[in-house]
Amino acid sequence: MSIESKVKQVEYLFERLDAEISKFQNQTNLNCIAGCGKCCTTPSIDASPLEFLPWAFHLFLNGEAEKTIIELKNTTKSICHIYQPLSLLNSNSGRCNNYQYRGLICRLFGYAANRDKYGQLRLATCTIIKENQTDIYKNAEEAIGKGLYVPIFTDYYMQLNQIDFHLGNTILPINRALKIAIEEVLNYYIYRPLPNGFKNAS
């Protein structure tokens, strides 16, 4: 399967997920606090290269892939390379530099569930939401227990794996996943023509 086809399939998966999350938010009134980026500062975030393939492809088409891969090779940070804090003094406030191309883990966290050892769905969200939206969070948990649909982490990662089992099933620290996603795109186009309409890229 071509890189372009994989990118389109991942983007289609994300579109469906975004619609489901939007519906879940409307039904529960659960929302992130404006300007909060605390979850993005977690140094132990793992992800697959496949979920960042659309991001890597976007960089490639805009001539930013090689520059970004050098930055990733030279970075010593474990915090996601795409995250931009508003200030050095407060890393918990910030934004994603490529929000449109954020990964699956970024989309799921906060508004999706995992199953506990008893098979019950538990909303995977942050302590800030739990502490600042206590009643809304509890009501959402109760609604899920009564059958309210919520996206499930494992379901979406299984669907992602069906697009490319190797890239989807390889789970790495997020910056390594970003680097491999770019390498996948660059290596693919070494001996292949660029996508239609593009004369220069990378």
N, C-alpha and C. Protein backbone atom coordinates (compact mmCIF):
# COMPACT_ATOMS: atom_id res chain seq x y z
N MET A 1 0.84 -1.19 0.00
CA MET A 1 0.00 0.00 0.00
C MET A 1 0.88 1.25 0.00
N SER A 2 0.53 2.25 -0.79
CA SER A 2 1.33 3.47 -0.88
C SER A 2 1.22 4.30 0.40
N ILE A 3 2.19 5.17 0.60
CA ILE A 3 2.15 6.08 1.75
C ILE A 3 0.89 6.94 1.70
N GLU A 4 0.56 7.43 0.51
CA GLU A 4 -0.63 8.28 0.38
C GLU A 4 -1.90 7.54 0.79
N SER A 5 -2.01 6.28 0.42
CA SER A 5 -3.18 5.49 0.79
C SER A 5 -3.24 5.27 2.30
N LYS A 6 -2.09 4.99 2.90
CA LYS A 6 -2.05 4.81 4.36
C LYS A 6 -2.45 6.10 5.07
N VAL A 7 -1.93 7.22 4.59
CA VAL A 7 -2.25 8.51 5.20
C VAL A 7 -3.75 8.77 5.12
N LYS A 8 -4.34 8.52 3.97
CA LYS A 8 -5.78 8.74 3.81
C LYS A 8 -6.59 7.85 4.74
N GLN A 9 -6.16 6.60 4.90
CA GLN A 9 -6.89 5.69 5.78
C GLN A 9 -6.77 6.09 7.25
N VAL A 10 -5.58 6.54 7.64
CA VAL A 10 -5.39 7.02 9.02
C VAL A 10 -6.24 8.27 9.25
N GLU A 11 -6.24 9.17 8.28
CA GLU A 11 -7.03 10.40 8.42
C GLU A 11 -8.53 10.09 8.49
N TYR A 12 -8.97 9.11 7.73
CA TYR A 12 -10.38 8.71 7.78
C TYR A 12 -10.72 8.14 9.16
N LEU A 13 -9.82 7.34 9.72
CA LEU A 13 -10.02 6.80 11.07
C LEU A 13 -10.12 7.94 12.08
N PHE A 14 -9.26 8.94 11.95
CA PHE A 14 -9.27 10.08 12.85
C PHE A 14 -10.56 10.89 12.71
N GLU A 15 -11.04 11.04 11.50
CA GLU A 15 -12.29 11.79 11.28
C GLU A 15 -13.45 11.13 12.00
N ARG A 16 -13.52 9.81 11.92
CA ARG A 16 -14.59 9.08 12.61
C ARG A 16 -14.46 9.23 14.12
N LEU A 17 -13.23 9.12 14.61
CA LEU A 17 -12.99 9.27 16.04
C LEU A 17 -13.35 10.68 16.51
N ASP A 18 -12.94 11.69 15.77
CA ASP A 18 -13.23 13.07 16.15
C ASP A 18 -14.73 13.31 16.25
N ALA A 19 -15.48 12.72 15.32
CA ALA A 19 -16.94 12.86 15.35
C ALA A 19 -17.52 12.18 16.59
N GLU A 20 -17.00 11.01 16.93
CA GLU A 20 -17.47 10.29 18.11
C GLU A 20 -17.13 11.05 19.39
N ILE A 21 -15.94 11.62 19.45
CA ILE A 21 -15.54 12.38 20.63
C ILE A 21 -16.38 13.64 20.77
N SER A 22 -16.63 14.32 19.67
CA SER A 22 -17.47 15.51 19.69
C SER A 22 -18.86 15.19 20.23
N LYS A 23 -19.42 14.08 19.80
CA LYS A 23 -20.73 13.66 20.29
C LYS A 23 -20.67 13.34 21.78
N PHE A 24 -19.61 12.65 22.20
CA PHE A 24 -19.44 12.30 23.61
C PHE A 24 -19.31 13.57 24.46
N GLN A 25 -18.57 14.55 23.98
CA GLN A 25 -18.42 15.81 24.71
C GLN A 25 -19.77 16.52 24.85
N ASN A 26 -20.54 16.54 23.78
CA ASN A 26 -21.85 17.19 23.82
C ASN A 26 -22.79 16.50 24.80
N GLN A 27 -22.68 15.18 24.88
CA GLN A 27 -23.57 14.41 25.75
C GLN A 27 -23.17 14.50 27.22
N THR A 28 -21.90 14.74 27.49
CA THR A 28 -21.41 14.73 28.87
C THR A 28 -20.99 16.09 29.39
N ASN A 29 -20.79 17.07 28.49
CA ASN A 29 -20.26 18.40 28.85
C ASN A 29 -18.82 18.34 29.39
N LEU A 30 -18.13 17.27 29.08
CA LEU A 30 -16.75 17.10 29.52
C LEU A 30 -15.82 17.79 28.51
N ASN A 31 -14.95 18.67 29.00
CA ASN A 31 -14.06 19.40 28.10
C ASN A 31 -12.73 19.71 28.78
N CYS A 32 -11.69 19.81 27.98
CA CYS A 32 -10.40 20.24 28.50
C CYS A 32 -10.48 21.72 28.89
N ILE A 33 -9.65 22.11 29.85
CA ILE A 33 -9.56 23.51 30.23
C ILE A 33 -8.79 24.25 29.14
N ALA A 34 -9.31 25.39 28.72
CA ALA A 34 -8.70 26.15 27.63
C ALA A 34 -7.24 26.49 27.96
N GLY A 35 -6.35 26.22 27.01
CA GLY A 35 -4.94 26.56 27.17
C GLY A 35 -4.12 25.55 27.95
N CYS A 36 -4.78 24.50 28.45
CA CYS A 36 -4.05 23.49 29.24
C CYS A 36 -3.33 22.52 28.31
N GLY A 37 -2.07 22.24 28.62
CA GLY A 37 -1.32 21.27 27.83
C GLY A 37 -0.57 20.30 28.72
N LYS A 38 -1.05 20.14 29.95
CA LYS A 38 -0.33 19.32 30.93
C LYS A 38 -0.12 17.89 30.45
N CYS A 39 -1.13 17.30 29.82
CA CYS A 39 -0.98 15.91 29.37
C CYS A 39 0.14 15.78 28.33
N CYS A 40 0.36 16.84 27.55
CA CYS A 40 1.40 16.81 26.52
C CYS A 40 2.81 16.85 27.12
N THR A 41 2.91 17.28 28.38
CA THR A 41 4.22 17.38 29.02
C THR A 41 4.64 16.08 29.71
N THR A 42 3.77 15.08 29.67
CA THR A 42 4.11 13.79 30.27
C THR A 42 5.30 13.18 29.52
N PRO A 43 6.41 12.92 30.20
CA PRO A 43 7.61 12.44 29.49
C PRO A 43 7.54 10.98 29.06
N SER A 44 6.53 10.25 29.54
CA SER A 44 6.48 8.81 29.25
C SER A 44 5.42 8.44 28.21
N ILE A 45 5.00 9.40 27.39
CA ILE A 45 3.98 9.11 26.37
C ILE A 45 4.57 8.19 25.30
N ASP A 46 3.87 7.12 25.02
CA ASP A 46 4.26 6.21 23.94
C ASP A 46 3.25 6.31 22.80
N ALA A 47 3.72 6.07 21.59
CA ALA A 47 2.85 6.16 20.42
C ALA A 47 3.41 5.28 19.32
N SER A 48 2.63 5.10 18.27
CA SER A 48 3.10 4.34 17.11
C SER A 48 3.48 5.30 15.99
N PRO A 49 4.44 4.94 15.16
CA PRO A 49 4.77 5.78 14.01
C PRO A 49 3.57 5.99 13.08
N LEU A 50 2.71 4.98 12.96
CA LEU A 50 1.60 5.05 12.01
C LEU A 50 0.65 6.19 12.33
N GLU A 51 0.39 6.44 13.60
CA GLU A 51 -0.57 7.49 13.94
C GLU A 51 -0.03 8.88 13.63
N PHE A 52 1.29 8.98 13.42
CA PHE A 52 1.88 10.26 13.04
C PHE A 52 2.30 10.30 11.57
N LEU A 53 1.87 9.32 10.81
CA LEU A 53 2.20 9.31 9.38
C LEU A 53 1.59 10.51 8.64
N PRO A 54 0.33 10.90 8.92
CA PRO A 54 -0.20 12.10 8.27
C PRO A 54 0.62 13.35 8.59
N TRP A 55 1.08 13.45 9.83
CA TRP A 55 1.94 14.58 10.23
C TRP A 55 3.24 14.56 9.45
N ALA A 56 3.87 13.40 9.37
CA ALA A 56 5.14 13.28 8.65
C ALA A 56 4.97 13.58 7.16
N PHE A 57 3.87 13.11 6.59
CA PHE A 57 3.58 13.36 5.18
C PHE A 57 3.36 14.85 4.93
N HIS A 58 2.68 15.50 5.85
CA HIS A 58 2.46 16.95 5.77
C HIS A 58 3.79 17.70 5.80
N LEU A 59 4.68 17.31 6.69
CA LEU A 59 6.01 17.93 6.74
C LEU A 59 6.76 17.72 5.43
N PHE A 60 6.69 16.51 4.90
CA PHE A 60 7.37 16.18 3.66
C PHE A 60 6.89 17.06 2.51
N LEU A 61 5.58 17.20 2.39
CA LEU A 61 5.01 18.00 1.30
C LEU A 61 5.35 19.48 1.43
N ASN A 62 5.62 19.92 2.66
CA ASN A 62 5.92 21.33 2.89
C ASN A 62 7.42 21.60 3.07
N GLY A 63 8.24 20.59 2.72
CA GLY A 63 9.68 20.78 2.75
C GLY A 63 10.29 20.89 4.13
N GLU A 64 9.61 20.33 5.14
CA GLU A 64 10.08 20.47 6.52
C GLU A 64 10.52 19.14 7.14
N ALA A 65 10.45 18.06 6.39
CA ALA A 65 10.73 16.74 6.96
C ALA A 65 12.19 16.59 7.37
N GLU A 66 13.12 16.94 6.49
CA GLU A 66 14.54 16.74 6.79
C GLU A 66 14.99 17.62 7.95
N LYS A 67 14.50 18.87 7.98
CA LYS A 67 14.84 19.78 9.09
C LYS A 67 14.33 19.22 10.41
N THR A 68 13.10 18.71 10.39
CA THR A 68 12.49 18.20 11.62
C THR A 68 13.18 16.93 12.11
N ILE A 69 13.58 16.07 11.18
CA ILE A 69 14.24 14.83 11.61
C ILE A 69 15.60 15.12 12.23
N ILE A 70 16.28 16.15 11.76
CA ILE A 70 17.54 16.56 12.38
C ILE A 70 17.29 17.06 13.80
N GLU A 71 16.23 17.85 13.97
CA GLU A 71 15.87 18.34 15.30
C GLU A 71 15.57 17.18 16.25
N LEU A 72 14.85 16.18 15.74
CA LEU A 72 14.51 15.02 16.57
C LEU A 72 15.74 14.19 16.93
N LYS A 73 16.68 14.10 16.00
CA LYS A 73 17.91 13.35 16.28
C LYS A 73 18.76 14.05 17.33
N ASN A 74 18.68 15.38 17.37
CA ASN A 74 19.53 16.15 18.27
C ASN A 74 18.87 16.46 19.62
N THR A 75 17.57 16.23 19.72
CA THR A 75 16.89 16.60 20.96
C THR A 75 17.21 15.64 22.09
N THR A 76 17.26 16.18 23.28
CA THR A 76 17.43 15.35 24.48
C THR A 76 16.14 15.35 25.30
N LYS A 77 15.13 16.06 24.81
CA LYS A 77 13.86 16.15 25.53
C LYS A 77 13.04 14.88 25.35
N SER A 78 12.31 14.52 26.37
CA SER A 78 11.38 13.39 26.25
C SER A 78 9.96 13.87 26.02
N ILE A 79 9.70 15.17 26.26
CA ILE A 79 8.38 15.74 25.99
C ILE A 79 8.18 15.83 24.49
N CYS A 80 6.95 15.61 24.05
CA CYS A 80 6.63 15.59 22.62
C CYS A 80 7.20 16.79 21.88
N HIS A 81 7.89 16.52 20.79
CA HIS A 81 8.55 17.56 20.00
C HIS A 81 7.56 18.56 19.41
N ILE A 82 6.34 18.12 19.18
CA ILE A 82 5.34 18.99 18.54
C ILE A 82 4.71 19.96 19.54
N TYR A 83 4.84 19.66 20.82
CA TYR A 83 4.22 20.51 21.85
C TYR A 83 5.02 21.78 22.06
N GLN A 84 4.31 22.91 22.13
CA GLN A 84 4.96 24.20 22.34
C GLN A 84 4.40 24.86 23.60
N PRO A 85 5.17 24.87 24.70
CA PRO A 85 4.71 25.55 25.91
C PRO A 85 4.64 27.06 25.69
N LEU A 86 3.73 27.71 26.42
CA LEU A 86 3.59 29.16 26.27
C LEU A 86 4.78 29.90 26.85
N SER A 87 5.42 29.30 27.87
CA SER A 87 6.60 29.93 28.46
C SER A 87 7.49 28.86 29.08
N LEU A 88 8.74 29.20 29.31
CA LEU A 88 9.67 28.27 29.94
C LEU A 88 9.33 28.05 31.40
N LEU A 89 8.64 29.02 32.00
CA LEU A 89 8.30 28.94 33.41
C LEU A 89 7.05 28.11 33.67
N ASN A 90 6.21 27.97 32.65
CA ASN A 90 4.97 27.21 32.83
C ASN A 90 4.75 26.30 31.64
N SER A 91 5.32 25.11 31.70
CA SER A 91 5.22 24.18 30.58
C SER A 91 3.85 23.54 30.48
N ASN A 92 3.03 23.64 31.55
CA ASN A 92 1.71 23.01 31.54
C ASN A 92 0.70 23.76 30.68
N SER A 93 1.02 25.01 30.35
CA SER A 93 0.16 25.77 29.44
C SER A 93 0.85 25.85 28.09
N GLY A 94 0.14 25.49 27.05
CA GLY A 94 0.75 25.49 25.73
C GLY A 94 -0.19 24.94 24.69
N ARG A 95 0.37 24.61 23.54
CA ARG A 95 -0.47 24.11 22.45
C ARG A 95 0.34 23.17 21.56
N CYS A 96 -0.39 22.39 20.78
CA CYS A 96 0.23 21.52 19.80
C CYS A 96 0.53 22.33 18.54
N ASN A 97 1.75 22.26 18.07
CA ASN A 97 2.15 23.02 16.88
C ASN A 97 1.48 22.53 15.61
N ASN A 98 1.05 21.27 15.61
CA ASN A 98 0.37 20.69 14.44
C ASN A 98 -0.88 19.96 14.90
N TYR A 99 -1.79 20.70 15.54
CA TYR A 99 -2.97 20.10 16.17
C TYR A 99 -3.78 19.25 15.20
N GLN A 100 -3.89 19.71 13.97
CA GLN A 100 -4.65 18.96 12.96
C GLN A 100 -4.05 17.57 12.73
N TYR A 101 -2.74 17.46 12.93
CA TYR A 101 -2.04 16.20 12.64
C TYR A 101 -1.59 15.47 13.91
N ARG A 102 -2.22 15.77 15.03
CA ARG A 102 -1.86 15.08 16.28
C ARG A 102 -2.18 13.60 16.16
N GLY A 103 -1.54 12.81 17.00
CA GLY A 103 -1.66 11.36 16.91
C GLY A 103 -2.92 10.79 17.54
N LEU A 104 -3.07 9.49 17.43
CA LEU A 104 -4.24 8.80 17.98
C LEU A 104 -4.28 8.91 19.50
N ILE A 105 -3.13 8.73 20.15
CA ILE A 105 -3.09 8.81 21.61
C ILE A 105 -3.53 10.20 22.07
N CYS A 106 -3.16 11.23 21.34
CA CYS A 106 -3.52 12.61 21.69
C CYS A 106 -5.03 12.83 21.56
N ARG A 107 -5.63 12.20 20.58
CA ARG A 107 -7.07 12.35 20.35
C ARG A 107 -7.88 11.56 21.37
N LEU A 108 -7.40 10.38 21.72
CA LEU A 108 -8.16 9.50 22.61
C LEU A 108 -8.12 9.96 24.07
N PHE A 109 -6.96 10.39 24.54
CA PHE A 109 -6.82 10.67 25.96
C PHE A 109 -7.76 11.79 26.41
N GLY A 110 -8.48 11.50 27.46
CA GLY A 110 -9.44 12.46 28.00
C GLY A 110 -10.86 12.11 27.66
N TYR A 111 -11.06 11.48 26.49
CA TYR A 111 -12.43 11.23 26.01
C TYR A 111 -12.63 9.81 25.52
N ALA A 112 -11.81 8.91 25.99
CA ALA A 112 -11.94 7.50 25.61
C ALA A 112 -11.74 6.64 26.85
N ALA A 113 -12.06 5.37 26.72
CA ALA A 113 -12.03 4.49 27.89
C ALA A 113 -11.16 3.26 27.67
N ASN A 114 -10.70 2.72 28.77
CA ASN A 114 -10.05 1.42 28.81
C ASN A 114 -10.91 0.48 29.65
N ARG A 115 -10.71 -0.81 29.48
CA ARG A 115 -11.42 -1.78 30.32
C ARG A 115 -10.55 -2.16 31.51
N ASP A 116 -11.17 -2.19 32.70
CA ASP A 116 -10.44 -2.62 33.88
C ASP A 116 -10.41 -4.15 33.94
N LYS A 117 -9.85 -4.71 35.00
CA LYS A 117 -9.69 -6.17 35.09
C LYS A 117 -11.02 -6.90 35.19
N TYR A 118 -12.09 -6.14 35.47
CA TYR A 118 -13.42 -6.75 35.53
C TYR A 118 -14.20 -6.57 34.22
N GLY A 119 -13.54 -5.94 33.24
CA GLY A 119 -14.18 -5.72 31.96
C GLY A 119 -15.03 -4.47 31.90
N GLN A 120 -14.99 -3.66 32.97
CA GLN A 120 -15.78 -2.44 33.01
C GLN A 120 -15.02 -1.30 32.33
N LEU A 121 -15.75 -0.45 31.62
CA LEU A 121 -15.12 0.68 30.94
C LEU A 121 -14.82 1.79 31.94
N ARG A 122 -13.59 2.29 31.89
CA ARG A 122 -13.16 3.38 32.76
C ARG A 122 -12.60 4.51 31.90
N LEU A 123 -13.15 5.69 32.09
CA LEU A 123 -12.71 6.84 31.31
C LEU A 123 -11.26 7.18 31.64
N ALA A 124 -10.44 7.28 30.63
CA ALA A 124 -9.02 7.62 30.81
C ALA A 124 -8.86 9.12 30.60
N THR A 125 -8.79 9.84 31.69
CA THR A 125 -8.66 11.29 31.59
C THR A 125 -7.71 11.78 32.67
N CYS A 126 -7.45 13.08 32.70
CA CYS A 126 -6.42 13.62 33.58
C CYS A 126 -6.97 14.03 34.94
N THR A 127 -6.06 14.23 35.88
CA THR A 127 -6.46 14.63 37.23
C THR A 127 -7.07 16.03 37.23
N ILE A 128 -6.66 16.88 36.30
CA ILE A 128 -7.20 18.24 36.24
C ILE A 128 -8.70 18.20 35.95
N ILE A 129 -9.09 17.39 34.99
CA ILE A 129 -10.52 17.24 34.68
C ILE A 129 -11.24 16.59 35.86
N LYS A 130 -10.66 15.56 36.44
CA LYS A 130 -11.30 14.87 37.56
C LYS A 130 -11.50 15.80 38.75
N GLU A 131 -10.53 16.69 39.00
CA GLU A 131 -10.60 17.57 40.17
C GLU A 131 -11.38 18.85 39.91
N ASN A 132 -11.35 19.36 38.69
CA ASN A 132 -12.01 20.63 38.39
C ASN A 132 -13.40 20.47 37.79
N GLN A 133 -13.71 19.27 37.31
CA GLN A 133 -15.04 18.99 36.76
C GLN A 133 -15.58 17.72 37.42
N THR A 134 -15.50 17.71 38.75
CA THR A 134 -15.80 16.48 39.51
C THR A 134 -17.17 15.91 39.19
N ASP A 135 -18.20 16.75 39.28
CA ASP A 135 -19.57 16.25 39.05
C ASP A 135 -19.77 15.80 37.61
N ILE A 136 -19.23 16.58 36.67
CA ILE A 136 -19.37 16.24 35.26
C ILE A 136 -18.66 14.92 34.97
N TYR A 137 -17.47 14.76 35.55
CA TYR A 137 -16.71 13.53 35.37
C TYR A 137 -17.46 12.33 35.95
N LYS A 138 -17.98 12.47 37.16
CA LYS A 138 -18.72 11.37 37.79
C LYS A 138 -19.97 11.02 36.99
N ASN A 139 -20.67 12.06 36.51
CA ASN A 139 -21.87 11.81 35.69
C ASN A 139 -21.52 11.09 34.40
N ALA A 140 -20.38 11.45 33.81
CA ALA A 140 -19.94 10.79 32.58
C ALA A 140 -19.62 9.32 32.84
N GLU A 141 -18.94 9.04 33.95
CA GLU A 141 -18.63 7.66 34.33
C GLU A 141 -19.90 6.84 34.53
N GLU A 142 -20.88 7.46 35.21
CA GLU A 142 -22.15 6.76 35.45
C GLU A 142 -22.87 6.49 34.14
N ALA A 143 -22.86 7.48 33.24
CA ALA A 143 -23.53 7.32 31.95
C ALA A 143 -22.87 6.22 31.13
N ILE A 144 -21.55 6.14 31.18
CA ILE A 144 -20.83 5.07 30.48
C ILE A 144 -21.23 3.71 31.05
N GLY A 145 -21.33 3.65 32.38
CA GLY A 145 -21.74 2.41 33.03
C GLY A 145 -23.14 1.97 32.64
N LYS A 146 -23.97 2.96 32.25
CA LYS A 146 -25.35 2.65 31.85
C LYS A 146 -25.49 2.45 30.34
N GLY A 147 -24.36 2.51 29.64
CA GLY A 147 -24.41 2.19 28.22
C GLY A 147 -24.11 3.32 27.26
N LEU A 148 -23.79 4.53 27.78
CA LEU A 148 -23.43 5.63 26.87
C LEU A 148 -22.19 5.24 26.07
N TYR A 149 -22.26 5.43 24.76
CA TYR A 149 -21.12 5.06 23.92
C TYR A 149 -19.94 5.98 24.19
N VAL A 150 -18.77 5.37 24.32
CA VAL A 150 -17.52 6.10 24.46
C VAL A 150 -16.46 5.37 23.62
N PRO A 151 -15.62 6.10 22.90
CA PRO A 151 -14.54 5.43 22.16
C PRO A 151 -13.65 4.62 23.11
N ILE A 152 -13.14 3.50 22.63
CA ILE A 152 -12.31 2.63 23.45
C ILE A 152 -10.91 2.54 22.84
N PHE A 153 -9.91 2.74 23.68
CA PHE A 153 -8.51 2.75 23.22
C PHE A 153 -8.17 1.54 22.37
N THR A 154 -8.41 0.35 22.91
CA THR A 154 -7.98 -0.87 22.21
C THR A 154 -8.69 -1.03 20.87
N ASP A 155 -9.95 -0.65 20.80
CA ASP A 155 -10.69 -0.75 19.54
C ASP A 155 -10.05 0.09 18.45
N TYR A 156 -9.68 1.31 18.81
CA TYR A 156 -9.11 2.21 17.81
C TYR A 156 -7.69 1.81 17.42
N TYR A 157 -6.93 1.30 18.37
CA TYR A 157 -5.58 0.85 18.01
C TYR A 157 -5.62 -0.42 17.16
N MET A 158 -6.63 -1.25 17.37
CA MET A 158 -6.80 -2.42 16.50
C MET A 158 -7.13 -1.99 15.08
N GLN A 159 -7.98 -0.97 14.95
CA GLN A 159 -8.32 -0.46 13.61
C GLN A 159 -7.11 0.18 12.95
N LEU A 160 -6.30 0.87 13.74
CA LEU A 160 -5.07 1.47 13.21
C LEU A 160 -4.13 0.38 12.71
N ASN A 161 -3.98 -0.69 13.48
CA ASN A 161 -3.08 -1.78 13.10
C ASN A 161 -3.48 -2.44 11.79
N GLN A 162 -4.76 -2.41 11.47
CA GLN A 162 -5.24 -3.02 10.23
C GLN A 162 -4.76 -2.27 8.99
N ILE A 163 -4.37 -1.01 9.17
CA ILE A 163 -3.85 -0.22 8.05
C ILE A 163 -2.42 -0.63 7.73
N ASP A 164 -1.61 -0.79 8.77
CA ASP A 164 -0.22 -1.27 8.62
C ASP A 164 0.17 -1.90 9.95
N PHE A 165 0.19 -3.22 9.99
CA PHE A 165 0.40 -3.91 11.27
C PHE A 165 1.74 -3.55 11.90
N HIS A 166 2.79 -3.49 11.10
CA HIS A 166 4.12 -3.22 11.66
C HIS A 166 4.20 -1.82 12.25
N LEU A 167 3.85 -0.81 11.46
CA LEU A 167 3.94 0.57 11.93
C LEU A 167 2.92 0.88 13.02
N GLY A 168 1.77 0.21 12.97
CA GLY A 168 0.74 0.45 13.96
C GLY A 168 0.99 -0.27 15.27
N ASN A 169 1.69 -1.38 15.19
CA ASN A 169 1.92 -2.22 16.37
C ASN A 169 3.26 -1.93 17.03
N THR A 170 4.04 -1.03 16.44
CA THR A 170 5.32 -0.63 17.03
C THR A 170 5.07 0.55 17.96
N ILE A 171 5.18 0.32 19.26
CA ILE A 171 4.91 1.36 20.24
C ILE A 171 6.23 1.83 20.84
N LEU A 172 6.47 3.15 20.73
CA LEU A 172 7.75 3.73 21.12
C LEU A 172 7.53 5.03 21.90
N PRO A 173 8.57 5.52 22.60
CA PRO A 173 8.49 6.88 23.13
C PRO A 173 8.13 7.84 22.00
N ILE A 174 7.32 8.82 22.30
CA ILE A 174 6.67 9.60 21.24
C ILE A 174 7.65 10.24 20.26
N ASN A 175 8.77 10.77 20.73
CA ASN A 175 9.70 11.41 19.80
C ASN A 175 10.37 10.42 18.86
N ARG A 176 10.57 9.19 19.32
CA ARG A 176 11.10 8.15 18.43
C ARG A 176 10.05 7.76 17.39
N ALA A 177 8.79 7.74 17.82
CA ALA A 177 7.71 7.44 16.88
C ALA A 177 7.62 8.52 15.80
N LEU A 178 7.79 9.78 16.20
CA LEU A 178 7.77 10.88 15.24
C LEU A 178 8.91 10.72 14.22
N LYS A 179 10.09 10.41 14.73
CA LYS A 179 11.27 10.26 13.87
C LYS A 179 11.07 9.13 12.87
N ILE A 180 10.57 8.00 13.32
CA ILE A 180 10.37 6.85 12.42
C ILE A 180 9.29 7.15 11.39
N ALA A 181 8.27 7.89 11.78
CA ALA A 181 7.21 8.27 10.82
C ALA A 181 7.80 9.09 9.67
N ILE A 182 8.67 10.04 10.01
CA ILE A 182 9.31 10.85 8.96
C ILE A 182 10.22 9.99 8.10
N GLU A 183 11.00 9.13 8.73
CA GLU A 183 11.91 8.25 7.97
C GLU A 183 11.13 7.36 7.01
N GLU A 184 9.97 6.90 7.44
CA GLU A 184 9.14 6.05 6.59
C GLU A 184 8.74 6.79 5.31
N VAL A 185 8.36 8.05 5.46
CA VAL A 185 7.96 8.85 4.30
C VAL A 185 9.16 9.15 3.41
N LEU A 186 10.26 9.58 4.01
CA LEU A 186 11.46 9.92 3.23
C LEU A 186 11.99 8.71 2.47
N ASN A 187 12.05 7.57 3.13
CA ASN A 187 12.55 6.36 2.47
C ASN A 187 11.64 5.91 1.34
N TYR A 188 10.35 6.09 1.52
CA TYR A 188 9.39 5.67 0.50
C TYR A 188 9.61 6.44 -0.80
N TYR A 189 9.92 7.74 -0.68
CA TYR A 189 10.01 8.57 -1.89
C TYR A 189 11.43 8.70 -2.44
N ILE A 190 12.38 7.93 -1.91
CA ILE A 190 13.74 7.99 -2.45
C ILE A 190 13.76 7.61 -3.93
N TYR A 191 13.06 6.54 -4.28
CA TYR A 191 13.08 6.04 -5.66
C TYR A 191 11.69 6.11 -6.31
N ARG A 192 10.81 6.91 -5.74
CA ARG A 192 9.46 7.03 -6.31
C ARG A 192 9.17 8.47 -6.66
N PRO A 193 8.30 8.70 -7.63
CA PRO A 193 7.92 10.08 -7.97
C PRO A 193 7.13 10.71 -6.84
N LEU A 194 7.21 12.02 -6.75
CA LEU A 194 6.47 12.74 -5.72
C LEU A 194 4.98 12.68 -6.00
N PRO A 195 4.15 12.91 -4.99
CA PRO A 195 2.70 12.92 -5.21
C PRO A 195 2.33 13.95 -6.28
N ASN A 196 1.22 13.73 -6.93
CA ASN A 196 0.78 14.61 -8.01
C ASN A 196 0.72 16.07 -7.56
N GLY A 197 1.29 16.93 -8.38
CA GLY A 197 1.23 18.36 -8.10
C GLY A 197 2.41 18.88 -7.32
N PHE A 198 3.32 18.01 -6.89
CA PHE A 198 4.47 18.44 -6.10
C PHE A 198 5.76 18.16 -6.87
N LYS A 199 6.55 19.23 -7.04
CA LYS A 199 7.81 19.09 -7.75
C LYS A 199 8.99 18.95 -6.78
N ASN A 200 8.87 19.64 -5.64
CA ASN A 200 9.92 19.57 -4.63
C ASN A 200 9.28 19.31 -3.27
N ALA A 201 9.93 18.49 -2.49
CA ALA A 201 9.43 18.21 -1.14
C ALA A 201 10.60 17.81 -0.27
N SER A 202 10.29 17.29 0.89
CA SER A 202 11.20 16.80 1.93
C SER A 202 11.63 17.89 2.89
